[in-house]
Amino acid sequence: MGIFSRMSYVIRSKLNALLNRAEDPTETLDYSYEQMRDELQDVKRGIADLTTQKKRLEIQKRRLEENVEKHNRQAREAVNQDRDDLARQALEKKKQKMAQIEELEGQVASLQNTQDNLVSKKNELQNRIEEFRTQKETIKARYEAAEASTRVSEAMTGAGKEMEDVSRAIERARERTDDMEARSEALDELQDSGAFEDALSDKDSIDRELESLSTDNEVESELETLKAEAGKGTTSAAPEAEAEAEPETESVDPAVEAELEDIKEEDN
């Protein structure tokens, strides 16, 4: 098989598959039914035209028959007047008309046979069309019922295209919801960690820790005041040496230690 033959075969197969997918059986049946009805109308028009031609010949035949009767009367009248020559002419004309009548009778008979055949075929075609219409309606009802059942089954099982689109939409919505929840949790975590304050404030971690210690000391001091007013104050305070945590032994920068000592002396 040559390349062009293969291309032609592939194209025809693709077109056939496309037509099969696009074809609606109910529309095809309706179209076929209309085509058959058009053919029936053509047959009826043909029969009507044929009948018209036959009627014209019959009218012409009747006129010739009237002429034959007239020529008979002319011949008798000529004989009564001893005009054999005129009688002879009348009889010749009668003979010609009789020949024409015979020819017309043959044509009329032939048209009648043709008409009878067409009427028979028309009746047969009409019966076939009625049978086809019954089958068409039955097939259409079955197809529409099967189509409706298929749509219901697809909707219930999620196999239809619309349900596939709905499933994809639900999946996308679920993914976006998960992303939004994760983003919300991340923002809450950043808020709790103070990352937003870092971005909006010029305070560093040491400033925030010192403020937190100052707030804690104020709370403790107010609590002690309330206890003293209620007579529940502590009898003795723990030695300052015990309150303070023992410093961990670690290497300290001498310059930092010297600056820290200066700050303590300034506070005292």
Protein backbone atom coordinates (compact mmCIF):
# COMPACT_ATOMS: atom_id res chain seq x y z
CA MET A 1 0.00 0.00 0.00
CA GLY A 2 1.46 3.32 -1.10
CA ILE A 3 1.76 6.35 1.13
CA PHE A 4 -1.13 8.16 -0.54
CA SER A 5 -3.35 5.12 -0.25
CA ARG A 6 -2.49 4.83 3.43
CA MET A 7 -3.19 8.53 3.98
CA SER A 8 -6.53 8.21 2.21
CA TYR A 9 -7.42 5.16 4.28
CA VAL A 10 -6.49 6.88 7.56
CA ILE A 11 -8.45 9.99 6.63
CA ARG A 12 -11.53 7.95 5.73
CA SER A 13 -11.30 5.98 8.96
CA LYS A 14 -10.98 9.17 11.02
CA LEU A 15 -13.92 10.76 9.24
CA ASN A 16 -15.99 7.62 9.72
CA ALA A 17 -15.23 7.58 13.45
CA LEU A 18 -16.07 11.27 13.68
CA LEU A 19 -19.37 10.76 11.87
CA ASN A 20 -20.24 7.81 14.09
CA ARG A 21 -19.73 9.97 17.18
CA ALA A 22 -21.71 12.87 15.72
CA GLU A 23 -24.55 10.78 14.31
CA ASP A 24 -27.86 10.86 16.16
CA PRO A 25 -29.89 7.72 15.28
CA THR A 26 -33.20 9.49 15.90
CA GLU A 27 -32.29 12.29 13.49
CA THR A 28 -31.13 9.75 10.90
CA LEU A 29 -34.41 7.86 11.14
CA ASP A 30 -36.44 11.04 10.83
CA TYR A 31 -34.42 12.10 7.80
CA SER A 32 -34.89 8.69 6.13
CA TYR A 33 -38.62 8.84 6.81
CA GLU A 34 -38.86 12.29 5.23
CA GLN A 35 -36.89 11.06 2.21
CA MET A 36 -39.31 8.16 1.73
CA ARG A 37 -42.27 10.52 1.99
CA ASP A 38 -40.69 12.77 -0.63
CA GLU A 39 -40.32 9.77 -2.93
CA LEU A 40 -43.96 8.91 -2.35
CA GLN A 41 -44.98 12.43 -3.30
CA ASP A 42 -42.89 12.15 -6.49
CA VAL A 43 -44.70 8.93 -7.38
CA LYS A 44 -48.07 10.56 -6.75
CA ARG A 45 -47.13 13.51 -8.93
CA GLY A 46 -46.03 11.07 -11.65
CA ILE A 47 -49.35 9.25 -11.47
CA ALA A 48 -51.23 12.56 -11.65
CA ASP A 49 -49.24 13.66 -14.71
CA LEU A 50 -49.80 10.29 -16.38
CA THR A 51 -53.52 10.42 -15.66
CA THR A 52 -53.66 13.92 -17.13
CA GLN A 53 -52.03 12.72 -20.36
CA LYS A 54 -54.43 9.79 -20.54
CA LYS A 55 -57.41 12.11 -20.08
CA ARG A 56 -56.16 14.33 -22.89
CA LEU A 57 -55.96 11.34 -25.24
CA GLU A 58 -59.42 10.22 -24.22
CA ILE A 59 -60.79 13.71 -24.95
CA GLN A 60 -59.06 13.67 -28.35
CA LYS A 61 -60.50 10.20 -29.02
CA ARG A 62 -64.03 11.39 -28.22
CA ARG A 63 -63.64 14.28 -30.64
CA LEU A 64 -62.49 11.92 -33.39
CA GLU A 65 -65.48 9.69 -32.67
CA GLU A 66 -67.74 12.71 -33.06
CA ASN A 67 -66.06 13.46 -36.40
CA VAL A 68 -66.67 9.88 -37.52
CA GLU A 69 -70.39 10.29 -36.80
CA LYS A 70 -70.38 13.58 -38.71
CA HIS A 71 -68.67 12.03 -41.73
CA ASN A 72 -71.27 9.23 -41.67
CA ARG A 73 -74.05 11.76 -41.85
CA GLN A 74 -72.26 13.65 -44.64
CA ALA A 75 -71.84 10.44 -46.68
CA ARG A 76 -75.54 9.51 -46.34
CA GLU A 77 -76.62 13.00 -47.26
CA ALA A 78 -74.35 13.04 -50.33
CA VAL A 79 -75.70 9.65 -51.45
CA ASN A 80 -79.26 10.91 -51.09
CA GLN A 81 -78.34 13.82 -53.32
CA ASP A 82 -76.59 11.56 -55.84
CA ARG A 83 -73.20 13.07 -54.99
CA ASP A 84 -71.07 9.99 -54.83
CA ASP A 85 -67.93 12.09 -55.05
CA LEU A 86 -68.82 13.93 -51.85
CA ALA A 87 -69.90 10.71 -50.20
CA ARG A 88 -66.55 9.15 -51.13
CA GLN A 89 -64.61 12.10 -49.58
CA ALA A 90 -66.64 11.87 -46.40
CA LEU A 91 -65.98 8.16 -46.12
CA GLU A 92 -62.23 8.70 -46.65
CA LYS A 93 -62.16 11.23 -43.85
CA LYS A 94 -64.10 8.81 -41.69
CA LYS A 95 -61.51 6.13 -42.39
CA GLN A 96 -58.66 8.46 -41.40
CA LYS A 97 -60.43 9.36 -38.18
CA MET A 98 -61.05 5.68 -37.43
CA ALA A 99 -57.32 4.98 -37.83
CA GLN A 100 -56.46 7.81 -35.47
CA ILE A 101 -59.02 6.53 -32.97
CA GLU A 102 -57.47 3.07 -33.09
CA GLU A 103 -54.01 4.53 -32.47
CA LEU A 104 -55.31 6.64 -29.58
CA GLU A 105 -56.98 3.63 -28.03
CA GLY A 106 -53.64 1.81 -28.01
CA GLN A 107 -51.94 4.77 -26.37
CA VAL A 108 -54.70 5.14 -23.80
CA ALA A 109 -54.48 1.43 -22.98
CA SER A 110 -50.72 1.67 -22.59
CA LEU A 111 -51.04 4.69 -20.29
CA GLN A 112 -53.70 2.88 -18.29
CA ASN A 113 -51.37 -0.09 -17.74
CA THR A 114 -48.58 2.25 -16.69
CA GLN A 115 -50.94 4.06 -14.36
CA ASP A 116 -52.12 0.82 -12.80
CA ASN A 117 -48.51 -0.26 -12.21
CA LEU A 118 -47.63 3.09 -10.65
CA VAL A 119 -50.67 3.01 -8.42
CA SER A 120 -49.72 -0.49 -7.28
CA LYS A 121 -46.15 0.59 -6.56
CA LYS A 122 -47.40 3.71 -4.84
CA ASN A 123 -49.60 1.64 -2.53
CA GLU A 124 -46.72 -0.73 -1.81
CA LEU A 125 -44.39 2.18 -1.08
CA GLN A 126 -47.01 3.79 1.14
CA ASN A 127 -47.38 0.57 3.12
CA ARG A 128 -43.61 0.33 3.52
CA ILE A 129 -43.47 3.92 4.70
CA GLU A 130 -46.15 3.22 7.31
CA GLU A 131 -44.23 0.17 8.50
CA PHE A 132 -41.03 2.16 8.60
CA ARG A 133 -42.74 4.92 10.58
CA THR A 134 -43.89 2.38 13.17
CA GLN A 135 -40.39 0.90 13.43
CA LYS A 136 -38.87 4.38 13.54
CA GLU A 137 -41.03 5.47 16.44
CA THR A 138 -40.31 2.23 18.28
CA ILE A 139 -36.55 2.55 17.79
CA LYS A 140 -36.63 6.23 18.77
CA ALA A 141 -38.51 5.40 21.97
CA ARG A 142 -36.03 2.65 22.81
CA TYR A 143 -33.04 4.88 22.04
CA GLU A 144 -34.37 7.78 24.09
CA ALA A 145 -35.14 5.44 26.99
CA ALA A 146 -31.63 3.94 26.79
CA GLU A 147 -30.11 7.42 26.56
CA ALA A 148 -32.04 8.61 29.60
CA SER A 149 -31.06 5.48 31.53
CA THR A 150 -27.43 6.00 30.56
CA ARG A 151 -27.49 9.61 31.74
CA VAL A 152 -29.00 8.55 35.06
CA SER A 153 -26.41 5.79 35.48
CA GLU A 154 -23.58 8.16 34.60
CA ALA A 155 -24.90 10.71 37.10
CA MET A 156 -25.16 8.07 39.83
CA THR A 157 -21.75 6.55 39.15
CA GLY A 158 -19.99 9.80 38.31
CA ALA A 159 -18.92 8.44 34.93
CA GLY A 160 -20.47 11.21 32.84
CA LYS A 161 -18.51 14.15 31.52
CA GLU A 162 -20.48 16.60 33.67
CA MET A 163 -19.76 14.56 36.79
CA GLU A 164 -16.11 14.36 35.82
CA ASP A 165 -16.05 18.14 35.64
CA VAL A 166 -17.79 18.33 39.03
CA SER A 167 -15.28 15.88 40.51
CA ARG A 168 -12.39 17.92 39.17
CA ALA A 169 -13.95 21.10 40.54
CA ILE A 170 -14.37 19.49 43.98
CA GLU A 171 -10.76 18.29 43.90
CA ARG A 172 -9.51 21.76 42.97
CA ALA A 173 -11.65 23.32 45.70
CA ARG A 174 -10.30 20.82 48.23
CA GLU A 175 -6.71 21.57 47.23
CA ARG A 176 -7.26 25.31 47.46
CA THR A 177 -8.96 24.89 50.83
CA ASP A 178 -6.01 22.85 52.10
CA ASP A 179 -3.61 25.54 50.84
CA MET A 180 -5.65 28.27 52.49
CA GLU A 181 -5.81 26.41 55.81
CA ALA A 182 -2.05 25.81 55.70
CA ARG A 183 -1.46 29.49 54.94
CA SER A 184 -3.75 30.52 57.80
CA GLU A 185 -1.93 28.22 60.23
CA ALA A 186 1.41 29.55 59.03
CA LEU A 187 0.29 33.15 59.57
CA ASP A 188 -0.95 32.29 63.07
CA GLU A 189 2.40 30.67 63.84
CA LEU A 190 4.27 33.72 62.59
CA GLN A 191 1.98 35.96 64.63
CA ASP A 192 2.65 33.93 67.80
CA SER A 193 6.39 33.94 67.20
CA GLY A 194 6.44 37.72 66.83
CA ALA A 195 7.69 37.67 63.30
CA PHE A 196 5.15 40.28 62.28
CA GLU A 197 6.23 42.53 65.14
CA ASP A 198 9.79 42.21 63.92
CA ALA A 199 8.73 43.48 60.57
CA LEU A 200 6.63 46.37 61.96
CA SER A 201 8.77 47.40 64.94
CA ASP A 202 12.36 48.59 65.41
CA LYS A 203 12.73 46.60 68.67
CA ASP A 204 15.03 43.63 68.72
CA SER A 205 14.75 40.42 70.73
CA ILE A 206 16.69 41.88 73.72
CA ASP A 207 14.27 44.81 73.99
CA ARG A 208 11.27 42.48 73.96
CA GLU A 209 12.84 40.18 76.55
CA LEU A 210 13.64 43.11 78.86
CA GLU A 211 10.08 44.43 78.51
CA SER A 212 8.76 40.99 79.33
CA LEU A 213 10.96 40.82 82.48
CA SER A 214 9.84 44.30 83.52
CA THR A 215 6.19 43.31 83.09
CA ASP A 216 6.74 40.16 85.13
CA ASN A 217 8.42 42.16 87.95
CA GLU A 218 5.53 44.61 88.03
CA VAL A 219 3.04 41.80 88.28
CA GLU A 220 5.02 40.13 91.10
CA SER A 221 5.34 43.42 92.96
CA GLU A 222 1.61 44.09 92.76
CA LEU A 223 0.91 40.54 93.92
CA GLU A 224 3.15 41.00 96.96
CA THR A 225 1.35 44.26 97.76
CA LEU A 226 -2.02 42.52 97.66
CA LYS A 227 -0.74 39.75 99.92
CA ALA A 228 0.62 42.27 102.41
CA GLU A 229 -2.73 44.09 102.54
CA ALA A 230 -4.47 40.80 103.16
CA GLY A 231 -1.99 39.81 105.88
CA LYS A 232 -0.63 36.99 103.88
CA GLY A 233 2.77 38.43 103.07
CA THR A 234 5.87 36.34 103.42
CA THR A 235 7.62 36.55 106.87
CA SER A 236 11.02 36.51 105.51
CA ALA A 237 12.45 37.05 102.11
CA ALA A 238 14.81 34.64 100.63
CA PRO A 239 18.37 35.80 100.62
CA GLU A 240 19.22 37.71 97.58
CA ALA A 241 22.06 35.35 96.95
CA GLU A 242 19.60 32.42 96.84
CA ALA A 243 17.14 34.32 94.63
CA GLU A 244 19.68 34.95 92.05
CA ALA A 245 20.65 32.04 89.91
CA GLU A 246 24.20 31.01 90.03
CA PRO A 247 25.93 32.18 86.89
CA GLU A 248 27.04 29.51 84.59
CA THR A 249 30.71 29.17 84.11
CA GLU A 250 31.39 30.25 80.63
CA SER A 251 33.93 32.34 78.87
CA VAL A 252 32.84 36.02 78.86
CA ASP A 253 34.23 38.76 76.77
CA PRO A 254 36.19 41.14 79.18
CA ALA A 255 35.04 44.19 77.24
CA VAL A 256 31.38 43.16 77.58
CA GLU A 257 31.88 42.49 81.32
CA ALA A 258 33.46 45.87 81.84
CA GLU A 259 30.57 47.63 80.04
CA LEU A 260 28.05 45.62 82.10
CA GLU A 261 29.76 46.69 85.38
CA ASP A 262 29.60 50.32 84.25
CA ILE A 263 25.86 49.99 83.62
CA LYS A 264 25.33 48.49 87.11
CA GLU A 265 27.26 51.30 88.79
CA GLU A 266 25.21 53.88 86.86
CA ASP A 267 21.99 52.23 88.08
CA ASN A 268 23.20 52.30 91.72
